Amino acid sequence: MREQHGISAEVINLRSIRPLDRKTIIDSVKKTNRLITVEDGWPQSGVGAEICALMMETSAFDYLDAPVERVTGADVPTPYSITIEPLAFPRPDVVVDAALRACYRNKK
């Protein structure tokens, strides 16, 4: 993404969600001033929703320069058809679009 759009990203791979590594997430937001969460699960009650709540409940909120972007699986039952199943989960192009929106590079 750096070569094409001039954007670099700090990626946090949460190895566990219980306990949630709140300090690492907050420190990253304070450093980058942006947050995008990506998960395969549904949007409601997911890890991304919990991380968004964390932003609202801590001082990290004051560091955000853009709204939090959540990239999740589609809010539908997982399709059985092999041809449409990939459409129900986050794809790289969707993550790139979220990053561009967070950096005000794409107004989709």
N, C-alpha and C. Protein backbone atom coordinates (compact mmCIF):
# COMPACT_ATOMS: atom_id res chain seq x y z
N MET A 1 0.83 -1.19 0.00
CA MET A 1 0.00 0.00 0.00
C MET A 1 0.88 1.25 0.00
N ARG A 2 2.06 1.15 0.56
CA ARG A 2 2.95 2.30 0.60
C ARG A 2 3.33 2.75 -0.80
N GLU A 3 3.67 1.79 -1.67
CA GLU A 3 4.10 2.14 -3.01
C GLU A 3 2.98 2.79 -3.82
N GLN A 4 1.77 2.29 -3.67
CA GLN A 4 0.66 2.76 -4.49
C GLN A 4 0.01 4.03 -3.92
N HIS A 5 -0.11 4.11 -2.58
CA HIS A 5 -0.87 5.21 -1.98
C HIS A 5 -0.05 6.10 -1.04
N GLY A 6 1.20 5.73 -0.78
CA GLY A 6 2.02 6.53 0.12
C GLY A 6 1.62 6.41 1.57
N ILE A 7 1.03 5.29 1.94
CA ILE A 7 0.56 5.07 3.31
C ILE A 7 1.28 3.86 3.89
N SER A 8 1.76 3.99 5.12
CA SER A 8 2.30 2.83 5.82
C SER A 8 1.38 2.54 7.01
N ALA A 9 1.37 1.31 7.45
CA ALA A 9 0.46 0.90 8.52
C ALA A 9 1.21 0.17 9.61
N GLU A 10 0.76 0.37 10.83
CA GLU A 10 1.23 -0.43 11.94
C GLU A 10 0.19 -1.51 12.16
N VAL A 11 0.60 -2.77 12.09
CA VAL A 11 -0.34 -3.89 12.22
C VAL A 11 -0.13 -4.55 13.58
N ILE A 12 -1.23 -4.71 14.30
CA ILE A 12 -1.20 -5.41 15.58
C ILE A 12 -1.96 -6.71 15.38
N ASN A 13 -1.30 -7.83 15.61
CA ASN A 13 -1.95 -9.13 15.55
C ASN A 13 -2.25 -9.56 16.97
N LEU A 14 -3.51 -9.45 17.36
CA LEU A 14 -3.89 -9.82 18.72
C LEU A 14 -3.84 -11.34 18.86
N ARG A 15 -2.84 -11.83 19.55
CA ARG A 15 -2.68 -13.28 19.70
C ARG A 15 -3.73 -13.84 20.65
N SER A 16 -4.23 -13.01 21.53
CA SER A 16 -5.34 -13.43 22.40
C SER A 16 -6.29 -12.26 22.55
N ILE A 17 -7.55 -12.56 22.73
CA ILE A 17 -8.52 -11.49 22.95
C ILE A 17 -9.04 -11.50 24.38
N ARG A 18 -8.59 -12.48 25.13
CA ARG A 18 -8.92 -12.53 26.55
C ARG A 18 -7.71 -13.03 27.28
N PRO A 19 -6.92 -12.20 27.90
CA PRO A 19 -7.15 -10.77 28.07
C PRO A 19 -6.80 -9.99 26.82
N LEU A 20 -7.53 -8.93 26.60
CA LEU A 20 -7.30 -8.05 25.45
C LEU A 20 -6.12 -7.14 25.78
N ASP A 21 -5.17 -7.04 24.88
CA ASP A 21 -3.98 -6.21 25.09
C ASP A 21 -4.33 -4.75 24.84
N ARG A 22 -5.02 -4.17 25.78
CA ARG A 22 -5.51 -2.79 25.66
C ARG A 22 -4.38 -1.79 25.50
N LYS A 23 -3.32 -1.96 26.26
CA LYS A 23 -2.21 -1.01 26.23
C LYS A 23 -1.60 -0.92 24.82
N THR A 24 -1.39 -2.05 24.17
CA THR A 24 -0.81 -2.04 22.83
C THR A 24 -1.71 -1.31 21.85
N ILE A 25 -3.02 -1.54 21.93
CA ILE A 25 -3.97 -0.88 21.04
C ILE A 25 -3.96 0.63 21.28
N ILE A 26 -4.04 1.03 22.53
CA ILE A 26 -4.06 2.45 22.88
C ILE A 26 -2.76 3.13 22.46
N ASP A 27 -1.62 2.48 22.71
CA ASP A 27 -0.34 3.06 22.31
C ASP A 27 -0.25 3.23 20.80
N SER A 28 -0.79 2.28 20.04
CA SER A 28 -0.77 2.38 18.59
C SER A 28 -1.63 3.54 18.10
N VAL A 29 -2.80 3.72 18.70
CA VAL A 29 -3.67 4.83 18.31
C VAL A 29 -3.00 6.16 18.63
N LYS A 30 -2.34 6.23 19.78
CA LYS A 30 -1.65 7.47 20.14
C LYS A 30 -0.50 7.76 19.17
N LYS A 31 0.08 6.72 18.61
CA LYS A 31 1.19 6.89 17.67
C LYS A 31 0.72 7.22 16.26
N THR A 32 -0.35 6.54 15.81
CA THR A 32 -0.78 6.67 14.41
C THR A 32 -1.98 7.60 14.21
N ASN A 33 -2.74 7.85 15.26
CA ASN A 33 -3.95 8.67 15.22
C ASN A 33 -5.06 8.08 14.36
N ARG A 34 -4.98 6.79 14.11
CA ARG A 34 -5.98 6.09 13.30
C ARG A 34 -6.21 4.71 13.88
N LEU A 35 -7.36 4.11 13.54
CA LEU A 35 -7.65 2.74 13.95
C LEU A 35 -8.56 2.08 12.94
N ILE A 36 -8.14 0.92 12.47
CA ILE A 36 -8.96 0.08 11.60
C ILE A 36 -8.92 -1.31 12.22
N THR A 37 -10.09 -1.89 12.46
CA THR A 37 -10.13 -3.27 12.97
C THR A 37 -10.60 -4.18 11.84
N VAL A 38 -10.03 -5.37 11.78
CA VAL A 38 -10.38 -6.34 10.75
C VAL A 38 -10.63 -7.67 11.43
N GLU A 39 -11.79 -8.26 11.16
CA GLU A 39 -12.11 -9.57 11.73
C GLU A 39 -13.08 -10.30 10.81
N ASP A 40 -13.06 -11.64 10.89
CA ASP A 40 -13.95 -12.46 10.06
C ASP A 40 -15.37 -12.53 10.61
N GLY A 41 -15.55 -12.23 11.87
CA GLY A 41 -16.85 -12.40 12.51
C GLY A 41 -17.85 -11.33 12.10
N TRP A 42 -19.06 -11.48 12.62
CA TRP A 42 -20.12 -10.51 12.36
C TRP A 42 -19.82 -9.19 13.06
N PRO A 43 -20.40 -8.10 12.56
CA PRO A 43 -20.12 -6.80 13.16
C PRO A 43 -20.65 -6.65 14.58
N GLN A 44 -21.80 -7.23 14.87
CA GLN A 44 -22.39 -7.07 16.19
C GLN A 44 -21.68 -7.94 17.22
N SER A 45 -21.31 -7.34 18.32
CA SER A 45 -20.72 -8.03 19.47
C SER A 45 -19.37 -8.66 19.16
N GLY A 46 -18.67 -8.17 18.19
CA GLY A 46 -17.37 -8.72 17.83
C GLY A 46 -16.23 -8.04 18.55
N VAL A 47 -15.04 -8.50 18.28
CA VAL A 47 -13.84 -7.94 18.88
C VAL A 47 -13.66 -6.49 18.43
N GLY A 48 -13.95 -6.21 17.17
CA GLY A 48 -13.86 -4.84 16.67
C GLY A 48 -14.78 -3.89 17.43
N ALA A 49 -15.96 -4.35 17.75
CA ALA A 49 -16.90 -3.53 18.52
C ALA A 49 -16.35 -3.26 19.92
N GLU A 50 -15.71 -4.24 20.52
CA GLU A 50 -15.11 -4.06 21.84
C GLU A 50 -13.96 -3.06 21.77
N ILE A 51 -13.16 -3.14 20.72
CA ILE A 51 -12.05 -2.20 20.56
C ILE A 51 -12.58 -0.78 20.33
N CYS A 52 -13.67 -0.65 19.60
CA CYS A 52 -14.29 0.67 19.42
C CYS A 52 -14.76 1.23 20.76
N ALA A 53 -15.36 0.38 21.58
CA ALA A 53 -15.79 0.81 22.91
C ALA A 53 -14.59 1.25 23.75
N LEU A 54 -13.49 0.52 23.61
CA LEU A 54 -12.26 0.89 24.32
C LEU A 54 -11.81 2.29 23.94
N MET A 55 -11.93 2.64 22.67
CA MET A 55 -11.54 3.98 22.23
C MET A 55 -12.40 5.04 22.88
N MET A 56 -13.68 4.75 23.05
CA MET A 56 -14.60 5.73 23.63
C MET A 56 -14.39 5.89 25.13
N GLU A 57 -13.86 4.86 25.78
CA GLU A 57 -13.75 4.84 27.24
C GLU A 57 -12.37 5.25 27.75
N THR A 58 -11.43 5.52 26.87
CA THR A 58 -10.07 5.85 27.30
C THR A 58 -9.62 7.16 26.67
N SER A 59 -8.44 7.58 27.06
CA SER A 59 -7.87 8.81 26.52
C SER A 59 -7.47 8.67 25.06
N ALA A 60 -7.46 7.46 24.53
CA ALA A 60 -7.09 7.26 23.13
C ALA A 60 -8.04 7.99 22.20
N PHE A 61 -9.28 8.19 22.62
CA PHE A 61 -10.27 8.89 21.79
C PHE A 61 -9.75 10.27 21.37
N ASP A 62 -9.08 10.96 22.27
CA ASP A 62 -8.59 12.30 21.98
C ASP A 62 -7.49 12.32 20.92
N TYR A 63 -6.90 11.17 20.65
CA TYR A 63 -5.83 11.09 19.67
C TYR A 63 -6.32 10.75 18.26
N LEU A 64 -7.56 10.29 18.14
CA LEU A 64 -8.08 9.88 16.84
C LEU A 64 -8.30 11.09 15.94
N ASP A 65 -7.73 11.04 14.74
CA ASP A 65 -7.92 12.10 13.74
C ASP A 65 -8.97 11.73 12.71
N ALA A 66 -9.52 10.54 12.82
CA ALA A 66 -10.54 10.06 11.88
C ALA A 66 -11.42 9.05 12.61
N PRO A 67 -12.63 8.83 12.12
CA PRO A 67 -13.47 7.80 12.74
C PRO A 67 -12.81 6.43 12.63
N VAL A 68 -13.09 5.58 13.61
CA VAL A 68 -12.60 4.20 13.57
C VAL A 68 -13.29 3.49 12.41
N GLU A 69 -12.53 2.72 11.67
CA GLU A 69 -13.08 1.91 10.58
C GLU A 69 -13.12 0.45 11.03
N ARG A 70 -14.27 -0.19 10.90
CA ARG A 70 -14.39 -1.62 11.21
C ARG A 70 -14.62 -2.39 9.93
N VAL A 71 -13.79 -3.39 9.70
CA VAL A 71 -13.95 -4.28 8.56
C VAL A 71 -14.31 -5.64 9.15
N THR A 72 -15.50 -6.13 8.80
CA THR A 72 -15.97 -7.39 9.39
C THR A 72 -16.54 -8.29 8.30
N GLY A 73 -16.89 -9.48 8.72
CA GLY A 73 -17.63 -10.35 7.83
C GLY A 73 -19.01 -9.75 7.58
N ALA A 74 -19.65 -10.19 6.52
CA ALA A 74 -21.00 -9.69 6.21
C ALA A 74 -21.96 -10.13 7.30
N ASP A 75 -22.96 -9.31 7.56
CA ASP A 75 -23.95 -9.61 8.59
C ASP A 75 -25.02 -10.54 8.03
N VAL A 76 -24.56 -11.70 7.56
CA VAL A 76 -25.44 -12.72 6.98
C VAL A 76 -24.93 -14.09 7.43
N PRO A 77 -25.78 -15.10 7.40
CA PRO A 77 -25.26 -16.45 7.66
C PRO A 77 -24.21 -16.80 6.61
N THR A 78 -23.19 -17.55 7.00
CA THR A 78 -22.14 -17.93 6.06
C THR A 78 -22.74 -18.75 4.93
N PRO A 79 -22.54 -18.31 3.69
CA PRO A 79 -23.09 -19.04 2.55
C PRO A 79 -22.45 -20.43 2.40
N TYR A 80 -23.21 -21.37 1.93
CA TYR A 80 -22.69 -22.72 1.69
C TYR A 80 -22.04 -22.82 0.32
N SER A 81 -22.41 -21.96 -0.58
CA SER A 81 -21.88 -22.01 -1.94
C SER A 81 -20.42 -21.56 -1.96
N ILE A 82 -19.58 -22.39 -2.52
CA ILE A 82 -18.15 -22.08 -2.59
C ILE A 82 -17.88 -20.83 -3.42
N THR A 83 -18.78 -20.51 -4.34
CA THR A 83 -18.55 -19.35 -5.20
C THR A 83 -18.88 -18.03 -4.51
N ILE A 84 -19.79 -18.03 -3.54
CA ILE A 84 -20.13 -16.77 -2.87
C ILE A 84 -19.62 -16.70 -1.42
N GLU A 85 -19.10 -17.79 -0.89
CA GLU A 85 -18.58 -17.77 0.48
C GLU A 85 -17.49 -16.71 0.67
N PRO A 86 -16.54 -16.55 -0.25
CA PRO A 86 -15.50 -15.52 -0.05
C PRO A 86 -16.05 -14.10 0.06
N LEU A 87 -17.23 -13.86 -0.51
CA LEU A 87 -17.82 -12.53 -0.44
C LEU A 87 -18.33 -12.19 0.95
N ALA A 88 -18.48 -13.18 1.81
CA ALA A 88 -19.00 -12.96 3.16
C ALA A 88 -17.90 -12.58 4.15
N PHE A 89 -16.64 -12.62 3.72
CA PHE A 89 -15.53 -12.35 4.62
C PHE A 89 -14.68 -11.20 4.08
N PRO A 90 -13.97 -10.50 4.97
CA PRO A 90 -13.16 -9.36 4.52
C PRO A 90 -12.15 -9.76 3.45
N ARG A 91 -12.06 -8.93 2.44
CA ARG A 91 -11.10 -9.14 1.35
C ARG A 91 -10.06 -8.02 1.42
N PRO A 92 -8.88 -8.25 0.86
CA PRO A 92 -7.84 -7.21 0.91
C PRO A 92 -8.28 -5.87 0.35
N ASP A 93 -9.06 -5.87 -0.73
CA ASP A 93 -9.49 -4.60 -1.31
C ASP A 93 -10.39 -3.81 -0.36
N VAL A 94 -11.18 -4.51 0.46
CA VAL A 94 -12.05 -3.85 1.44
C VAL A 94 -11.20 -3.21 2.54
N VAL A 95 -10.15 -3.91 2.95
CA VAL A 95 -9.25 -3.38 3.99
C VAL A 95 -8.52 -2.14 3.45
N VAL A 96 -8.06 -2.19 2.22
CA VAL A 96 -7.38 -1.04 1.61
C VAL A 96 -8.34 0.14 1.52
N ASP A 97 -9.58 -0.09 1.11
CA ASP A 97 -10.57 1.00 1.05
C ASP A 97 -10.78 1.63 2.43
N ALA A 98 -10.83 0.80 3.47
CA ALA A 98 -11.00 1.32 4.84
C ALA A 98 -9.79 2.17 5.24
N ALA A 99 -8.60 1.72 4.88
CA ALA A 99 -7.39 2.49 5.19
C ALA A 99 -7.38 3.83 4.45
N LEU A 100 -7.80 3.82 3.22
CA LEU A 100 -7.86 5.06 2.45
C LEU A 100 -8.88 6.03 3.04
N ARG A 101 -10.02 5.50 3.47
CA ARG A 101 -11.02 6.37 4.13
C ARG A 101 -10.46 6.95 5.42
N ALA A 102 -9.78 6.12 6.21
CA ALA A 102 -9.23 6.58 7.49
C ALA A 102 -8.17 7.66 7.28
N CYS A 103 -7.52 7.64 6.14
CA CYS A 103 -6.50 8.65 5.83
C CYS A 103 -7.04 9.75 4.94
N TYR A 104 -8.36 9.80 4.77
CA TYR A 104 -9.03 10.79 3.95
C TYR A 104 -8.50 10.82 2.52
N ARG A 105 -8.20 9.63 2.00
CA ARG A 105 -7.73 9.55 0.63
C ARG A 105 -8.83 9.06 -0.32
N ASN A 106 -9.90 8.53 0.25
CA ASN A 106 -10.96 7.94 -0.57
C ASN A 106 -12.28 8.22 0.15
N LYS A 107 -13.20 8.86 -0.48
CA LYS A 107 -14.45 9.26 0.17
C LYS A 107 -15.61 8.33 -0.11
N LYS A 108 -15.36 7.04 -0.30
CA LYS A 108 -16.44 6.09 -0.59
C LYS A 108 -17.40 5.99 0.56
